[in-house]
Amino acid sequence: MEIKVSPSTIWRWIDNGTLPAYRVGRKGVRLKKAELEASLTPLHSRPEEGRAMASVEQRAMKPLTKQEQQRGLRTLARMQQLRAQIAAKYGTRSPASRELLDQSRDERTAELTRDQEQ
């Protein structure tokens, strides 16, 4: 049986008492298959629940009407205007921390490479 969860999830279930476990020797920990299976519950307990979910998703995927498209485009244009106003008033946003870390890492790598070449 494969349950496709990480080992840390299994340990968390054991620690909080959701999943009973048994110590074997000093370091071994074992689970009873029946208890593991009993602690797992299916996502959809009845087949009709899965079908109902699919029909909800299908309804959500219908194409937008012309009116909805126009409203969305107006909202997008307004958002872009607001973004420009905020940028004019406060300046552009600072780079994201990831961008700063990447830049710093690149600079440090170039510096180390120069040091090794000398």
PDB file of N, CA and C in Angstrom:
ATOM      1  N   MET A   1       0.854  -1.187   0.000  1.00  0.00           N
ATOM      2  CA  MET A   1       0.000   0.000   0.000  1.00  0.00           C
ATOM      3  C   MET A   1       0.890   1.237   0.000  1.00  0.00           C
ATOM      4  N   GLU A   2       0.597   2.148  -0.885  1.00  0.00           N
ATOM      5  CA  GLU A   2       1.364   3.389  -0.970  1.00  0.00           C
ATOM      6  C   GLU A   2       0.426   4.553  -0.659  1.00  0.00           C
ATOM      7  N   ILE A   3       0.803   5.382   0.325  1.00  0.00           N
ATOM      8  CA  ILE A   3      -0.074   6.484   0.717  1.00  0.00           C
ATOM      9  C   ILE A   3       0.436   7.839   0.237  1.00  0.00           C
ATOM     10  N   LYS A   4       1.658   7.907  -0.269  1.00  0.00           N
ATOM     11  CA  LYS A   4       2.220   9.115  -0.864  1.00  0.00           C
ATOM     12  C   LYS A   4       2.172  10.330   0.062  1.00  0.00           C
ATOM     13  N   VAL A   5       2.727  10.176   1.244  1.00  0.00           N
ATOM     14  CA  VAL A   5       2.922  11.304   2.159  1.00  0.00           C
ATOM     15  C   VAL A   5       4.363  11.273   2.627  1.00  0.00           C
ATOM     16  N   SER A   6       4.868  12.383   3.038  1.00  0.00           N
ATOM     17  CA  SER A   6       6.263  12.450   3.460  1.00  0.00           C
ATOM     18  C   SER A   6       6.441  11.778   4.820  1.00  0.00           C
ATOM     19  N   PRO A   7       7.654  11.312   5.101  1.00  0.00           N
ATOM     20  CA  PRO A   7       7.912  10.710   6.413  1.00  0.00           C
ATOM     21  C   PRO A   7       7.615  11.669   7.566  1.00  0.00           C
ATOM     22  N   SER A   8       7.871  12.972   7.350  1.00  0.00           N
ATOM     23  CA  SER A   8       7.589  13.919   8.431  1.00  0.00           C
ATOM     24  C   SER A   8       6.094  13.969   8.747  1.00  0.00           C
ATOM     25  N   THR A   9       5.257  13.754   7.750  1.00  0.00           N
ATOM     26  CA  THR A   9       3.812  13.710   7.991  1.00  0.00           C
ATOM     27  C   THR A   9       3.453  12.500   8.843  1.00  0.00           C
ATOM     28  N   ILE A  10       4.049  11.361   8.523  1.00  0.00           N
ATOM     29  CA  ILE A  10       3.806  10.153   9.319  1.00  0.00           C
ATOM     30  C   ILE A  10       4.221  10.394  10.769  1.00  0.00           C
ATOM     31  N   TRP A  11       5.406  10.978  10.974  1.00  0.00           N
ATOM     32  CA  TRP A  11       5.873  11.257  12.347  1.00  0.00           C
ATOM     33  C   TRP A  11       4.941  12.232  13.055  1.00  0.00           C
ATOM     34  N   ARG A  12       4.438  13.232  12.329  1.00  0.00           N
ATOM     35  CA  ARG A  12       3.512  14.196  12.939  1.00  0.00           C
ATOM     36  C   ARG A  12       2.226  13.491  13.363  1.00  0.00           C
ATOM     37  N   TRP A  13       1.714  12.585  12.513  1.00  0.00           N
ATOM     38  CA  TRP A  13       0.512  11.822  12.859  1.00  0.00           C
ATOM     39  C   TRP A  13       0.751  10.968  14.098  1.00  0.00           C
ATOM     40  N   ILE A  14       1.925  10.369  14.181  1.00  0.00           N
ATOM     41  CA  ILE A  14       2.261   9.540  15.345  1.00  0.00           C
ATOM     42  C   ILE A  14       2.345  10.418  16.594  1.00  0.00           C
ATOM     43  N   ASP A  15       3.042  11.563  16.466  1.00  0.00           N
ATOM     44  CA  ASP A  15       3.221  12.446  17.622  1.00  0.00           C
ATOM     45  C   ASP A  15       1.907  12.991  18.163  1.00  0.00           C
ATOM     46  N   ASN A  16       0.966  13.330  17.269  1.00  0.00           N
ATOM     47  CA  ASN A  16      -0.287  13.903  17.769  1.00  0.00           C
ATOM     48  C   ASN A  16      -1.345  12.843  18.067  1.00  0.00           C
ATOM     49  N   GLY A  17      -0.981  11.563  17.927  1.00  0.00           N
ATOM     50  CA  GLY A  17      -1.890  10.484  18.314  1.00  0.00           C
ATOM     51  C   GLY A  17      -2.879  10.080  17.240  1.00  0.00           C
ATOM     52  N   THR A  18      -2.789  10.652  16.058  1.00  0.00           N
ATOM     53  CA  THR A  18      -3.692  10.291  14.970  1.00  0.00           C
ATOM     54  C   THR A  18      -3.418   8.888  14.465  1.00  0.00           C
ATOM     55  N   LEU A  19      -2.152   8.503  14.497  1.00  0.00           N
ATOM     56  CA  LEU A  19      -1.737   7.196  13.984  1.00  0.00           C
ATOM     57  C   LEU A  19      -1.009   6.430  15.089  1.00  0.00           C
ATOM     58  N   PRO A  20      -1.552   5.283  15.525  1.00  0.00           N
ATOM     59  CA  PRO A  20      -0.874   4.510  16.564  1.00  0.00           C
ATOM     60  C   PRO A  20       0.400   3.870  16.010  1.00  0.00           C
ATOM     61  N   ALA A  21       1.460   3.880  16.804  1.00  0.00           N
ATOM     62  CA  ALA A  21       2.727   3.273  16.410  1.00  0.00           C
ATOM     63  C   ALA A  21       3.273   2.487  17.592  1.00  0.00           C
ATOM     64  N   TYR A  22       4.159   1.545  17.283  1.00  0.00           N
ATOM     65  CA  TYR A  22       4.681   0.654  18.305  1.00  0.00           C
ATOM     66  C   TYR A  22       6.199   0.611  18.224  1.00  0.00           C
ATOM     67  N   ARG A  23       6.844   0.731  19.375  1.00  0.00           N
ATOM     68  CA  ARG A  23       8.301   0.668  19.434  1.00  0.00           C
ATOM     69  C   ARG A  23       8.729  -0.789  19.411  1.00  0.00           C
ATOM     70  N   VAL A  24       9.728  -1.081  18.571  1.00  0.00           N
ATOM     71  CA  VAL A  24      10.303  -2.417  18.468  1.00  0.00           C
ATOM     72  C   VAL A  24      11.795  -2.259  18.721  1.00  0.00           C
ATOM     73  N   GLY A  25      12.252  -2.758  19.850  1.00  0.00           N
ATOM     74  CA  GLY A  25      13.648  -2.572  20.206  1.00  0.00           C
ATOM     75  C   GLY A  25      13.887  -1.138  20.641  1.00  0.00           C
ATOM     76  N   ARG A  26      15.145  -0.713  20.577  1.00  0.00           N
ATOM     77  CA  ARG A  26      15.472   0.638  21.041  1.00  0.00           C
ATOM     78  C   ARG A  26      15.156   1.701  20.005  1.00  0.00           C
ATOM     79  N   LYS A  27      15.330   1.387  18.728  1.00  0.00           N
ATOM     80  CA  LYS A  27      15.174   2.417  17.702  1.00  0.00           C
ATOM     81  C   LYS A  27      14.020   2.170  16.733  1.00  0.00           C
ATOM     82  N   GLY A  28      13.529   0.975  16.659  1.00  0.00           N
ATOM     83  CA  GLY A  28      12.523   0.636  15.660  1.00  0.00           C
ATOM     84  C   GLY A  28      11.125   1.116  16.024  1.00  0.00           C
ATOM     85  N   VAL A  29      10.416   1.567  15.027  1.00  0.00           N
ATOM     86  CA  VAL A  29       9.021   1.963  15.196  1.00  0.00           C
ATOM     87  C   VAL A  29       8.233   1.268  14.091  1.00  0.00           C
ATOM     88  N   ARG A  30       7.125   0.660  14.447  1.00  0.00           N
ATOM     89  CA  ARG A  30       6.313  -0.073  13.484  1.00  0.00           C
ATOM     90  C   ARG A  30       4.862   0.378  13.568  1.00  0.00           C
ATOM     91  N   LEU A  31       4.171   0.191  12.451  1.00  0.00           N
ATOM     92  CA  LEU A  31       2.744   0.498  12.354  1.00  0.00           C
ATOM     93  C   LEU A  31       2.014  -0.779  11.983  1.00  0.00           C
ATOM     94  N   LYS A  32       0.791  -0.904  12.467  1.00  0.00           N
ATOM     95  CA  LYS A  32      -0.044  -2.017  12.038  1.00  0.00           C
ATOM     96  C   LYS A  32      -0.801  -1.568  10.791  1.00  0.00           C
ATOM     97  N   LYS A  33      -0.749  -2.399   9.770  1.00  0.00           N
ATOM     98  CA  LYS A  33      -1.377  -2.059   8.494  1.00  0.00           C
ATOM     99  C   LYS A  33      -2.868  -1.745   8.674  1.00  0.00           C
ATOM    100  N   ALA A  34      -3.552  -2.537   9.466  1.00  0.00           N
ATOM    101  CA  ALA A  34      -4.992  -2.329   9.673  1.00  0.00           C
ATOM    102  C   ALA A  34      -5.265  -0.973  10.328  1.00  0.00           C
ATOM    103  N   GLU A  35      -4.404  -0.586  11.286  1.00  0.00           N
ATOM    104  CA  GLU A  35      -4.597   0.713  11.948  1.00  0.00           C
ATOM    105  C   GLU A  35      -4.277   1.872  11.001  1.00  0.00           C
ATOM    106  N   LEU A  36      -3.269   1.675  10.159  1.00  0.00           N
ATOM    107  CA  LEU A  36      -2.949   2.702   9.163  1.00  0.00           C
ATOM    108  C   LEU A  36      -4.117   2.883   8.207  1.00  0.00           C
ATOM    109  N   GLU A  37      -4.641   1.781   7.687  1.00  0.00           N
ATOM    110  CA  GLU A  37      -5.773   1.850   6.765  1.00  0.00           C
ATOM    111  C   GLU A  37      -6.995   2.465   7.435  1.00  0.00           C
ATOM    112  N   ALA A  38      -7.199   2.157   8.716  1.00  0.00           N
ATOM    113  CA  ALA A  38      -8.357   2.699   9.433  1.00  0.00           C
ATOM    114  C   ALA A  38      -8.226   4.200   9.643  1.00  0.00           C
ATOM    115  N   SER A  39      -6.993   4.703   9.731  1.00  0.00           N
ATOM    116  CA  SER A  39      -6.815   6.139   9.971  1.00  0.00           C
ATOM    117  C   SER A  39      -6.942   6.962   8.688  1.00  0.00           C
ATOM    118  N   LEU A  40      -6.900   6.299   7.549  1.00  0.00           N
ATOM    119  CA  LEU A  40      -7.043   7.005   6.272  1.00  0.00           C
ATOM    120  C   LEU A  40      -8.505   7.032   5.871  1.00  0.00           C
ATOM    121  N   THR A  41      -8.962   8.181   5.411  1.00  0.00           N
ATOM    122  CA  THR A  41     -10.336   8.289   4.926  1.00  0.00           C
ATOM    123  C   THR A  41     -10.306   8.770   3.482  1.00  0.00           C
ATOM    124  N   PRO A  42     -11.162   8.237   2.640  1.00  0.00           N
ATOM    125  CA  PRO A  42     -11.164   8.661   1.233  1.00  0.00           C
ATOM    126  C   PRO A  42     -11.617  10.112   1.099  1.00  0.00           C
ATOM    127  N   LEU A  43     -11.116  10.765   0.062  1.00  0.00           N
ATOM    128  CA  LEU A  43     -11.474  12.154  -0.188  1.00  0.00           C
ATOM    129  C   LEU A  43     -12.963  12.278  -0.495  1.00  0.00           C
ATOM    130  N   HIS A  44     -13.472  11.377  -1.312  1.00  0.00           N
ATOM    131  CA  HIS A  44     -14.902  11.350  -1.634  1.00  0.00           C
ATOM    132  C   HIS A  44     -15.456  10.026  -1.136  1.00  0.00           C
ATOM    133  N   SER A  45     -16.281  10.098  -0.120  1.00  0.00           N
ATOM    134  CA  SER A  45     -16.786   8.861   0.456  1.00  0.00           C
ATOM    135  C   SER A  45     -17.845   8.209  -0.426  1.00  0.00           C
ATOM    136  N   ARG A  46     -18.514   9.012  -1.262  1.00  0.00           N
ATOM    137  CA  ARG A  46     -19.512   8.452  -2.164  1.00  0.00           C
ATOM    138  C   ARG A  46     -19.199   8.884  -3.589  1.00  0.00           C
ATOM    139  N   PRO A  47     -19.376   8.011  -4.568  1.00  0.00           N
ATOM    140  CA  PRO A  47     -19.047   8.366  -5.953  1.00  0.00           C
ATOM    141  C   PRO A  47     -19.792   9.594  -6.461  1.00  0.00           C
ATOM    142  N   GLU A  48     -21.027   9.800  -6.009  1.00  0.00           N
ATOM    143  CA  GLU A  48     -21.785  10.948  -6.521  1.00  0.00           C
ATOM    144  C   GLU A  48     -21.170  12.277  -6.088  1.00  0.00           C
ATOM    145  N   GLU A  49     -20.426  12.292  -4.964  1.00  0.00           N
ATOM    146  CA  GLU A  49     -19.768  13.527  -4.539  1.00  0.00           C
ATOM    147  C   GLU A  49     -18.734  13.948  -5.559  1.00  0.00           C
ATOM    148  N   GLY A  50     -17.980  13.002  -6.089  1.00  0.00           N
ATOM    149  CA  GLY A  50     -16.983  13.306  -7.109  1.00  0.00           C
ATOM    150  C   GLY A  50     -17.624  13.860  -8.363  1.00  0.00           C
ATOM    151  N   ARG A  51     -18.751  13.293  -8.769  1.00  0.00           N
ATOM    152  CA  ARG A  51     -19.446  13.785  -9.960  1.00  0.00           C
ATOM    153  C   ARG A  51     -19.996  15.184  -9.726  1.00  0.00           C
ATOM    154  N   ALA A  52     -20.514  15.446  -8.532  1.00  0.00           N
ATOM    155  CA  ALA A  52     -21.051  16.773  -8.238  1.00  0.00           C
ATOM    156  C   ALA A  52     -19.944  17.809  -8.298  1.00  0.00           C
ATOM    157  N   MET A  53     -18.760  17.450  -7.805  1.00  0.00           N
ATOM    158  CA  MET A  53     -17.636  18.368  -7.834  1.00  0.00           C
ATOM    159  C   MET A  53     -17.243  18.674  -9.272  1.00  0.00           C
ATOM    160  N   ALA A  54     -17.237  17.653 -10.132  1.00  0.00           N
ATOM    161  CA  ALA A  54     -16.871  17.858 -11.529  1.00  0.00           C
ATOM    162  C   ALA A  54     -17.859  18.792 -12.214  1.00  0.00           C
ATOM    163  N   SER A  55     -19.147  18.654 -11.926  1.00  0.00           N
ATOM    164  CA  SER A  55     -20.122  19.511 -12.578  1.00  0.00           C
ATOM    165  C   SER A  55     -19.967  20.960 -12.129  1.00  0.00           C
ATOM    166  N   VAL A  56     -19.587  21.187 -10.879  1.00  0.00           N
ATOM    167  CA  VAL A  56     -19.337  22.547 -10.397  1.00  0.00           C
ATOM    168  C   VAL A  56     -18.162  23.139 -11.154  1.00  0.00           C
ATOM    169  N   GLU A  57     -17.088  22.351 -11.341  1.00  0.00           N
ATOM    170  CA  GLU A  57     -15.924  22.832 -12.075  1.00  0.00           C
ATOM    171  C   GLU A  57     -16.279  23.120 -13.523  1.00  0.00           C
ATOM    172  N   GLN A  58     -17.103  22.285 -14.136  1.00  0.00           N
ATOM    173  CA  GLN A  58     -17.490  22.508 -15.522  1.00  0.00           C
ATOM    174  C   GLN A  58     -18.292  23.800 -15.655  1.00  0.00           C
ATOM    175  N   ARG A  59     -19.171  24.069 -14.707  1.00  0.00           N
ATOM    176  CA  ARG A  59     -19.947  25.312 -14.766  1.00  0.00           C
ATOM    177  C   ARG A  59     -19.040  26.515 -14.607  1.00  0.00           C
ATOM    178  N   ALA A  60     -18.010  26.396 -13.792  1.00  0.00           N
ATOM    179  CA  ALA A  60     -17.098  27.508 -13.559  1.00  0.00           C
ATOM    180  C   ALA A  60     -16.247  27.798 -14.787  1.00  0.00           C
ATOM    181  N   MET A  61     -16.111  26.870 -15.708  1.00  0.00           N
ATOM    182  CA  MET A  61     -15.246  27.024 -16.861  1.00  0.00           C
ATOM    183  C   MET A  61     -15.977  27.590 -18.088  1.00  0.00           C
ATOM    184  N   LYS A  62     -17.213  27.998 -17.964  1.00  0.00           N
ATOM    185  CA  LYS A  62     -17.940  28.510 -19.129  1.00  0.00           C
ATOM    186  C   LYS A  62     -17.313  29.829 -19.587  1.00  0.00           C
ATOM    187  N   PRO A  63     -17.393  30.140 -20.878  1.00  0.00           N
ATOM    188  CA  PRO A  63     -16.792  31.371 -21.396  1.00  0.00           C
ATOM    189  C   PRO A  63     -17.468  32.612 -20.818  1.00  0.00           C
ATOM    190  N   LEU A  64     -16.711  33.694 -20.736  1.00  0.00           N
ATOM    191  CA  LEU A  64     -17.253  34.953 -20.239  1.00  0.00           C
ATOM    192  C   LEU A  64     -18.168  35.576 -21.280  1.00  0.00           C
ATOM    193  N   THR A  65     -19.194  36.247 -20.793  1.00  0.00           N
ATOM    194  CA  THR A  65     -20.061  36.986 -21.708  1.00  0.00           C
ATOM    195  C   THR A  65     -19.340  38.263 -22.135  1.00  0.00           C
ATOM    196  N   LYS A  66     -19.842  38.924 -23.181  1.00  0.00           N
ATOM    197  CA  LYS A  66     -19.241  40.187 -23.641  1.00  0.00           C
ATOM    198  C   LYS A  66     -19.232  41.215 -22.515  1.00  0.00           C
ATOM    199  N   GLN A  67     -20.319  41.262 -21.750  1.00  0.00           N
ATOM    200  CA  GLN A  67     -20.415  42.214 -20.645  1.00  0.00           C
ATOM    201  C   GLN A  67     -19.353  41.920 -19.583  1.00  0.00           C
ATOM    202  N   GLU A  68     -19.148  40.636 -19.240  1.00  0.00           N
ATOM    203  CA  GLU A  68     -18.127  40.266 -18.264  1.00  0.00           C
ATOM    204  C   GLU A  68     -16.728  40.576 -18.776  1.00  0.00           C
ATOM    205  N   GLN A  69     -16.496  40.348 -20.075  1.00  0.00           N
ATOM    206  CA  GLN A  69     -15.198  40.668 -20.669  1.00  0.00           C
ATOM    207  C   GLN A  69     -14.920  42.165 -20.589  1.00  0.00           C
ATOM    208  N   GLN A  70     -15.926  42.980 -20.938  1.00  0.00           N
ATOM    209  CA  GLN A  70     -15.752  44.435 -20.901  1.00  0.00           C
ATOM    210  C   GLN A  70     -15.504  44.923 -19.476  1.00  0.00           C
ATOM    211  N   ARG A  71     -16.248  44.383 -18.523  1.00  0.00           N
ATOM    212  CA  ARG A  71     -16.058  44.761 -17.131  1.00  0.00           C
ATOM    213  C   ARG A  71     -14.645  44.396 -16.657  1.00  0.00           C
ATOM    214  N   GLY A  72     -14.158  43.214 -17.045  1.00  0.00           N
ATOM    215  CA  GLY A  72     -12.812  42.793 -16.682  1.00  0.00           C
ATOM    216  C   GLY A  72     -11.751  43.689 -17.293  1.00  0.00           C
ATOM    217  N   LEU A  73     -11.942  44.082 -18.552  1.00  0.00           N
ATOM    218  CA  LEU A  73     -10.979  44.965 -19.214  1.00  0.00           C
ATOM    219  C   LEU A  73     -10.974  46.356 -18.582  1.00  0.00           C
ATOM    220  N   ARG A  74     -12.165  46.857 -18.203  1.00  0.00           N
ATOM    221  CA  ARG A  74     -12.233  48.160 -17.523  1.00  0.00           C
ATOM    222  C   ARG A  74     -11.517  48.102 -16.176  1.00  0.00           C
ATOM    223  N   THR A  75     -11.724  47.009 -15.451  1.00  0.00           N
ATOM    224  CA  THR A  75     -11.070  46.845 -14.145  1.00  0.00           C
ATOM    225  C   THR A  75      -9.561  46.774 -14.312  1.00  0.00           C
ATOM    226  N   LEU A  76      -9.099  46.052 -15.318  1.00  0.00           N
ATOM    227  CA  LEU A  76      -7.665  45.956 -15.581  1.00  0.00           C
ATOM    228  C   LEU A  76      -7.077  47.323 -15.926  1.00  0.00           C
ATOM    229  N   ALA A  77      -7.769  48.086 -16.762  1.00  0.00           N
ATOM    230  CA  ALA A  77      -7.293  49.427 -17.115  1.00  0.00           C
ATOM    231  C   ALA A  77      -7.241  50.327 -15.889  1.00  0.00           C
ATOM    232  N   ARG A  78      -8.248  50.247 -15.035  1.00  0.00           N
ATOM    233  CA  ARG A  78      -8.275  51.051 -13.811  1.00  0.00           C
ATOM    234  C   ARG A  78      -7.133  50.653 -12.876  1.00  0.00           C
ATOM    235  N   MET A  79      -6.866  49.378 -12.773  1.00  0.00           N
ATOM    236  CA  MET A  79      -5.770  48.908 -11.936  1.00  0.00           C
ATOM    237  C   MET A  79      -4.435  49.443 -12.451  1.00  0.00           C
ATOM    238  N   GLN A  80      -4.251  49.447 -13.764  1.00  0.00           N
ATOM    239  CA  GLN A  80      -3.009  49.964 -14.340  1.00  0.00           C
ATOM    240  C   GLN A  80      -2.877  51.469 -14.084  1.00  0.00           C
ATOM    241  N   GLN A  81      -3.992  52.203 -14.145  1.00  0.00           N
ATOM    242  CA  GLN A  81      -3.963  53.627 -13.830  1.00  0.00           C
ATOM    243  C   GLN A  81      -3.560  53.852 -12.371  1.00  0.00           C
ATOM    244  N   LEU A  82      -4.150  53.095 -11.477  1.00  0.00           N
ATOM    245  CA  LEU A  82      -3.819  53.219 -10.056  1.00  0.00           C
ATOM    246  C   LEU A  82      -2.361  52.879  -9.793  1.00  0.00           C
ATOM    247  N   ARG A  83      -1.867  51.841 -10.453  1.00  0.00           N
ATOM    248  CA  ARG A  83      -0.461  51.463 -10.289  1.00  0.00           C
ATOM    249  C   ARG A  83       0.451  52.600 -10.755  1.00  0.00           C
ATOM    250  N   ALA A  84       0.109  53.242 -11.869  1.00  0.00           N
ATOM    251  CA  ALA A  84       0.907  54.361 -12.377  1.00  0.00           C
ATOM    252  C   ALA A  84       0.842  55.547 -11.413  1.00  0.00           C
ATOM    253  N   GLN A  85      -0.342  55.823 -10.847  1.00  0.00           N
ATOM    254  CA  GLN A  85      -0.479  56.918  -9.884  1.00  0.00           C
ATOM    255  C   GLN A  85       0.359  56.663  -8.630  1.00  0.00           C
ATOM    256  N   ILE A  86       0.329  55.436  -8.140  1.00  0.00           N
ATOM    257  CA  ILE A  86       1.109  55.086  -6.953  1.00  0.00           C
ATOM    258  C   ILE A  86       2.598  55.210  -7.249  1.00  0.00           C
ATOM    259  N   ALA A  87       3.025  54.748  -8.431  1.00  0.00           N
ATOM    260  CA  ALA A  87       4.436  54.850  -8.806  1.00  0.00           C
ATOM    261  C   ALA A  87       4.859  56.305  -8.914  1.00  0.00           C
ATOM    262  N   ALA A  88       3.980  57.169  -9.455  1.00  0.00           N
ATOM    263  CA  ALA A  88       4.313  58.590  -9.590  1.00  0.00           C
ATOM    264  C   ALA A  88       4.411  59.255  -8.212  1.00  0.00           C
ATOM    265  N   LYS A  89       3.553  58.843  -7.302  1.00  0.00           N
ATOM    266  CA  LYS A  89       3.531  59.468  -5.983  1.00  0.00           C
ATOM    267  C   LYS A  89       4.643  58.944  -5.075  1.00  0.00           C
ATOM    268  N   TYR A  90       4.861  57.618  -5.075  1.00  0.00           N
ATOM    269  CA  TYR A  90       5.797  57.010  -4.139  1.00  0.00           C
ATOM    270  C   TYR A  90       7.058  56.436  -4.787  1.00  0.00           C
ATOM    271  N   GLY A  91       7.117  56.454  -6.098  1.00  0.00           N
ATOM    272  CA  GLY A  91       8.247  55.835  -6.788  1.00  0.00           C
ATOM    273  C   GLY A  91       7.960  54.368  -7.031  1.00  0.00           C
ATOM    274  N   THR A  92       8.857  53.752  -7.775  1.00  0.00           N
ATOM    275  CA  THR A  92       8.653  52.336  -8.070  1.00  0.00           C
ATOM    276  C   THR A  92       9.026  51.508  -6.855  1.00  0.00           C
ATOM    277  N   ARG A  93       8.480  50.324  -6.798  1.00  0.00           N
ATOM    278  CA  ARG A  93       8.734  49.456  -5.657  1.00  0.00           C
ATOM    279  C   ARG A  93      10.171  48.965  -5.686  1.00  0.00           C
ATOM    280  N   SER A  94      10.675  48.671  -4.528  1.00  0.00           N
ATOM    281  CA  SER A  94      12.030  48.128  -4.454  1.00  0.00           C
ATOM    282  C   SER A  94      12.017  46.693  -4.969  1.00  0.00           C
ATOM    283  N   PRO A  95      13.170  46.198  -5.406  1.00  0.00           N
ATOM    284  CA  PRO A  95      13.198  44.822  -5.918  1.00  0.00           C
ATOM    285  C   PRO A  95      12.812  43.820  -4.829  1.00  0.00           C
ATOM    286  N   ALA A  96      12.287  42.721  -5.265  1.00  0.00           N
ATOM    287  CA  ALA A  96      11.921  41.662  -4.320  1.00  0.00           C
ATOM    288  C   ALA A  96      13.179  41.109  -3.668  1.00  0.00           C
ATOM    289  N   SER A  97      13.038  40.548  -2.484  1.00  0.00           N
ATOM    290  CA  SER A  97      14.199  40.029  -1.755  1.00  0.00           C
ATOM    291  C   SER A  97      14.919  38.957  -2.559  1.00  0.00           C
ATOM    292  N   ARG A  98      14.176  38.173  -3.315  1.00  0.00           N
ATOM    293  CA  ARG A  98      14.813  37.137  -4.136  1.00  0.00           C
ATOM    294  C   ARG A  98      15.734  37.777  -5.175  1.00  0.00           C
ATOM    295  N   GLU A  99      15.278  38.863  -5.791  1.00  0.00           N
ATOM    296  CA  GLU A  99      16.108  39.552  -6.778  1.00  0.00           C
ATOM    297  C   GLU A  99      17.371  40.094  -6.125  1.00  0.00           C
ATOM    298  N   LEU A 100      17.245  40.644  -4.928  1.00  0.00           N
ATOM    299  CA  LEU A 100      18.410  41.169  -4.219  1.00  0.00           C
ATOM    300  C   LEU A 100      19.383  40.052  -3.852  1.00  0.00           C
ATOM    301  N   LEU A 101      18.845  38.916  -3.409  1.00  0.00           N
ATOM    302  CA  LEU A 101      19.707  37.783  -3.068  1.00  0.00           C
ATOM    303  C   LEU A 101      20.435  37.259  -4.300  1.00  0.00           C
ATOM    304  N   ASP A 102      19.721  37.148  -5.417  1.00  0.00           N
ATOM    305  CA  ASP A 102      20.355  36.695  -6.655  1.00  0.00           C
ATOM    306  C   ASP A 102      21.465  37.646  -7.084  1.00  0.00           C
ATOM    307  N   GLN A 103      21.188  38.928  -7.012  1.00  0.00           N
ATOM    308  CA  GLN A 103      22.183  39.927  -7.395  1.00  0.00           C
ATOM    309  C   GLN A 103      23.401  39.829  -6.474  1.00  0.00           C
ATOM    310  N   SER A 104      23.178  39.739  -5.178  1.00  0.00           N
ATOM    311  CA  SER A 104      24.269  39.634  -4.216  1.00  0.00           C
ATOM    312  C   SER A 104      25.085  38.367  -4.450  1.00  0.00           C
ATOM    313  N   ARG A 105      24.405  37.262  -4.727  1.00  0.00           N
ATOM    314  CA  ARG A 105      25.086  35.995  -4.985  1.00  0.00           C
ATOM    315  C   ARG A 105      25.940  36.087  -6.241  1.00  0.00           C
ATOM    316  N   ASP A 106      25.404  36.714  -7.291  1.00  0.00           N
ATOM    317  CA  ASP A 106      26.156  36.876  -8.535  1.00  0.00           C
ATOM    318  C   ASP A 106      27.395  37.738  -8.317  1.00  0.00           C
ATOM    319  N   GLU A 107      27.243  38.818  -7.567  1.00  0.00           N
ATOM    320  CA  GLU A 107      28.388  39.693  -7.284  1.00  0.00           C
ATOM    321  C   GLU A 107      29.456  38.947  -6.499  1.00  0.00           C
ATOM    322  N   ARG A 108      29.035  38.174  -5.504  1.00  0.00           N
ATOM    323  CA  ARG A 108      29.993  37.436  -4.682  1.00  0.00           C
ATOM    324  C   ARG A 108      30.696  36.357  -5.508  1.00  0.00           C
ATOM    325  N   THR A 109      29.967  35.682  -6.388  1.00  0.00           N
ATOM    326  CA  THR A 109      30.560  34.668  -7.249  1.00  0.00           C
ATOM    327  C   THR A 109      31.601  35.290  -8.168  1.00  0.00           C
ATOM    328  N   ALA A 110      31.272  36.436  -8.757  1.00  0.00           N
ATOM    329  CA  ALA A 110      32.226  37.129  -9.625  1.00  0.00           C
ATOM    330  C   ALA A 110      33.462  37.547  -8.845  1.00  0.00           C
ATOM    331  N   GLU A 111      33.268  38.020  -7.630  1.00  0.00           N
ATOM    332  CA  GLU A 111      34.376  38.435  -6.773  1.00  0.00           C
ATOM    333  C   GLU A 111      35.285  37.251  -6.443  1.00  0.00           C
ATOM    334  N   LEU A 112      34.705  36.108  -6.088  1.00  0.00           N
ATOM    335  CA  LEU A 112      35.497  34.922  -5.773  1.00  0.00           C
ATOM    336  C   LEU A 112      36.236  34.401  -7.000  1.00  0.00           C
ATOM    337  N   THR A 113      35.574  34.463  -8.147  1.00  0.00           N
ATOM    338  CA  THR A 113      36.206  34.011  -9.379  1.00  0.00           C
ATOM    339  C   THR A 113      37.416  34.879  -9.702  1.00  0.00           C
ATOM    340  N   ARG A 114      37.282  36.198  -9.542  1.00  0.00           N
ATOM    341  CA  ARG A 114      38.409  37.116  -9.771  1.00  0.00           C
ATOM    342  C   ARG A 114      39.556  36.816  -8.816  1.00  0.00           C
ATOM    343  N   ASP A 115      39.242  36.540  -7.544  1.00  0.00           N
ATOM    344  CA  ASP A 115      40.276  36.240  -6.551  1.00  0.00           C
ATOM    345  C   ASP A 115      41.037  34.974  -6.907  1.00  0.00           C
ATOM    346  N   GLN A 116      40.346  33.953  -7.423  1.00  0.00           N
ATOM    347  CA  GLN A 116      40.999  32.696  -7.774  1.00  0.00           C
ATOM    348  C   GLN A 116      41.882  32.852  -9.009  1.00  0.00           C
ATOM    349  N   GLU A 117      41.514  33.745  -9.927  1.00  0.00           N
ATOM    350  CA  GLU A 117      42.287  33.947 -11.144  1.00  0.00           C
ATOM    351  C   GLU A 117      43.592  34.676 -10.849  1.00  0.00           C
ATOM    352  N   GLN A 118      43.646  35.442  -9.785  1.00  0.00           N
ATOM    353  CA  GLN A 118      44.844  36.231  -9.466  1.00  0.00           C
ATOM    354  C   GLN A 118      45.870  35.468  -8.737  1.00  0.00           C
TER     355      GLN A 118
END
